Amino acid sequence: MKSTPCEFEVIKDVYWDNWGRLVKVFRKGEMCEGELWPDGTVSAESTIYDGISDQVDPDCIVIRKS
C-alpha cells in the first residue's frame, strides 16, 4: 500500500500506549504532517517525541489537506 502526505489538525490531545502507560504525543490545536493510507488511517511522527511514529486516532484529528 502506498501512502500520500497529509496535513491534519489535532482537535483532542492524542495519547499512545507505552508499555501500559498512556503518553501524550500530540497536543490539541497543533497542525501536523502525516501520511494518509488507502484504508483511511493516518500515521505520523509525534511532535513531542522525536523518531516515534504510529497511527493517529481518527477521533482526535481533522484532515485539512491530502
C-alpha atoms as a PDB file:
ATOM      1  CA  MET A   1       0.000   0.000   0.000  1.00  0.00           C
ATOM      2  CA  LYS A   2       1.168   3.483  -0.811  1.00  0.00           C
ATOM      3  CA  SER A   3       0.502   6.495   1.397  1.00  0.00           C
ATOM      4  CA  THR A   4       0.092  10.143   0.474  1.00  0.00           C
ATOM      5  CA  PRO A   5       1.237  13.139   2.543  1.00  0.00           C
ATOM      6  CA  CYS A   6      -1.468  14.925   4.500  1.00  0.00           C
ATOM      7  CA  GLU A   7      -1.857  17.755   6.974  1.00  0.00           C
ATOM      8  CA  PHE A   8      -4.135  17.394   9.973  1.00  0.00           C
ATOM      9  CA  GLU A   9      -5.335  19.457  12.920  1.00  0.00           C
ATOM     10  CA  VAL A  10      -5.326  17.888  16.366  1.00  0.00           C
ATOM     11  CA  ILE A  11      -8.764  18.504  17.920  1.00  0.00           C
ATOM     12  CA  LYS A  12      -8.150  16.431  21.095  1.00  0.00           C
ATOM     13  CA  ASP A  13      -4.867  15.540  22.794  1.00  0.00           C
ATOM     14  CA  VAL A  14      -3.532  12.256  21.352  1.00  0.00           C
ATOM     15  CA  TYR A  15      -2.076   9.551  23.581  1.00  0.00           C
ATOM     16  CA  TRP A  16      -0.239   6.351  22.622  1.00  0.00           C
ATOM     17  CA  ASP A  17       0.365   3.288  24.764  1.00  0.00           C
ATOM     18  CA  ASN A  18       3.949   2.991  26.015  1.00  0.00           C
ATOM     19  CA  TRP A  19       4.211  -0.398  27.717  1.00  0.00           C
ATOM     20  CA  GLY A  20       0.887   0.008  29.531  1.00  0.00           C
ATOM     21  CA  ARG A  21       1.235   3.737  30.227  1.00  0.00           C
ATOM     22  CA  LEU A  22      -0.569   6.345  28.106  1.00  0.00           C
ATOM     23  CA  VAL A  23       1.779   9.085  26.908  1.00  0.00           C
ATOM     24  CA  LYS A  24       0.681  12.357  25.247  1.00  0.00           C
ATOM     25  CA  VAL A  25       2.178  12.543  21.738  1.00  0.00           C
ATOM     26  CA  PHE A  26       0.194  15.391  20.095  1.00  0.00           C
ATOM     27  CA  ARG A  27      -1.344  18.490  21.683  1.00  0.00           C
ATOM     28  CA  LYS A  28      -4.794  19.856  20.889  1.00  0.00           C
ATOM     29  CA  GLY A  29      -4.563  22.753  18.417  1.00  0.00           C
ATOM     30  CA  GLU A  30      -1.409  21.596  16.624  1.00  0.00           C
ATOM     31  CA  MET A  31      -1.238  21.423  12.827  1.00  0.00           C
ATOM     32  CA  CYS A  32       0.775  18.344  11.864  1.00  0.00           C
ATOM     33  CA  GLU A  33       2.045  16.479   8.834  1.00  0.00           C
ATOM     34  CA  GLY A  34       1.466  12.782   8.387  1.00  0.00           C
ATOM     35  CA  GLU A  35       0.715  10.029   5.912  1.00  0.00           C
ATOM     36  CA  LEU A  36      -2.806   9.143   4.753  1.00  0.00           C
ATOM     37  CA  TRP A  37      -3.161   5.450   3.891  1.00  0.00           C
ATOM     38  CA  PRO A  38      -5.636   3.926   1.388  1.00  0.00           C
ATOM     39  CA  ASP A  39      -7.688   2.413   4.240  1.00  0.00           C
ATOM     40  CA  GLY A  40      -8.249   5.936   5.658  1.00  0.00           C
ATOM     41  CA  THR A  41      -5.836   5.684   8.582  1.00  0.00           C
ATOM     42  CA  VAL A  42      -3.292   8.397   9.308  1.00  0.00           C
ATOM     43  CA  SER A  43       0.199   7.806  10.668  1.00  0.00           C
ATOM     44  CA  ALA A  44       2.562  10.499  11.892  1.00  0.00           C
ATOM     45  CA  GLU A  45       5.634  11.196  13.978  1.00  0.00           C
ATOM     46  CA  SER A  46       4.951  12.615  17.425  1.00  0.00           C
ATOM     47  CA  THR A  47       5.534  16.345  17.803  1.00  0.00           C
ATOM     48  CA  ILE A  48       6.661  15.733  21.386  1.00  0.00           C
ATOM     49  CA  TYR A  49       8.970  12.706  20.985  1.00  0.00           C
ATOM     50  CA  ASP A  50      11.435  12.652  18.061  1.00  0.00           C
ATOM     51  CA  GLY A  51      11.538   9.489  15.988  1.00  0.00           C
ATOM     52  CA  ILE A  52       8.357   7.949  17.426  1.00  0.00           C
ATOM     53  CA  SER A  53       5.544   7.333  14.950  1.00  0.00           C
ATOM     54  CA  ASP A  54       2.320   5.326  14.840  1.00  0.00           C
ATOM     55  CA  GLN A  55      -1.304   5.572  13.765  1.00  0.00           C
ATOM     56  CA  VAL A  56      -3.262   8.585  14.973  1.00  0.00           C
ATOM     57  CA  ASP A  57      -6.738   8.149  16.490  1.00  0.00           C
ATOM     58  CA  PRO A  58      -9.181   9.445  13.831  1.00  0.00           C
ATOM     59  CA  ASP A  59     -11.491  10.806  16.553  1.00  0.00           C
ATOM     60  CA  CYS A  60      -8.712  13.187  17.642  1.00  0.00           C
ATOM     61  CA  ILE A  61      -7.865  14.794  14.281  1.00  0.00           C
ATOM     62  CA  VAL A  62      -9.359  16.546  11.251  1.00  0.00           C
ATOM     63  CA  ILE A  63      -7.560  16.137   7.930  1.00  0.00           C
ATOM     64  CA  ARG A  64      -7.072  19.581   6.364  1.00  0.00           C
ATOM     65  CA  LYS A  65      -5.008  18.680   3.254  1.00  0.00           C
ATOM     66  CA  SER A  66      -4.389  15.394   1.497  1.00  0.00           C
END
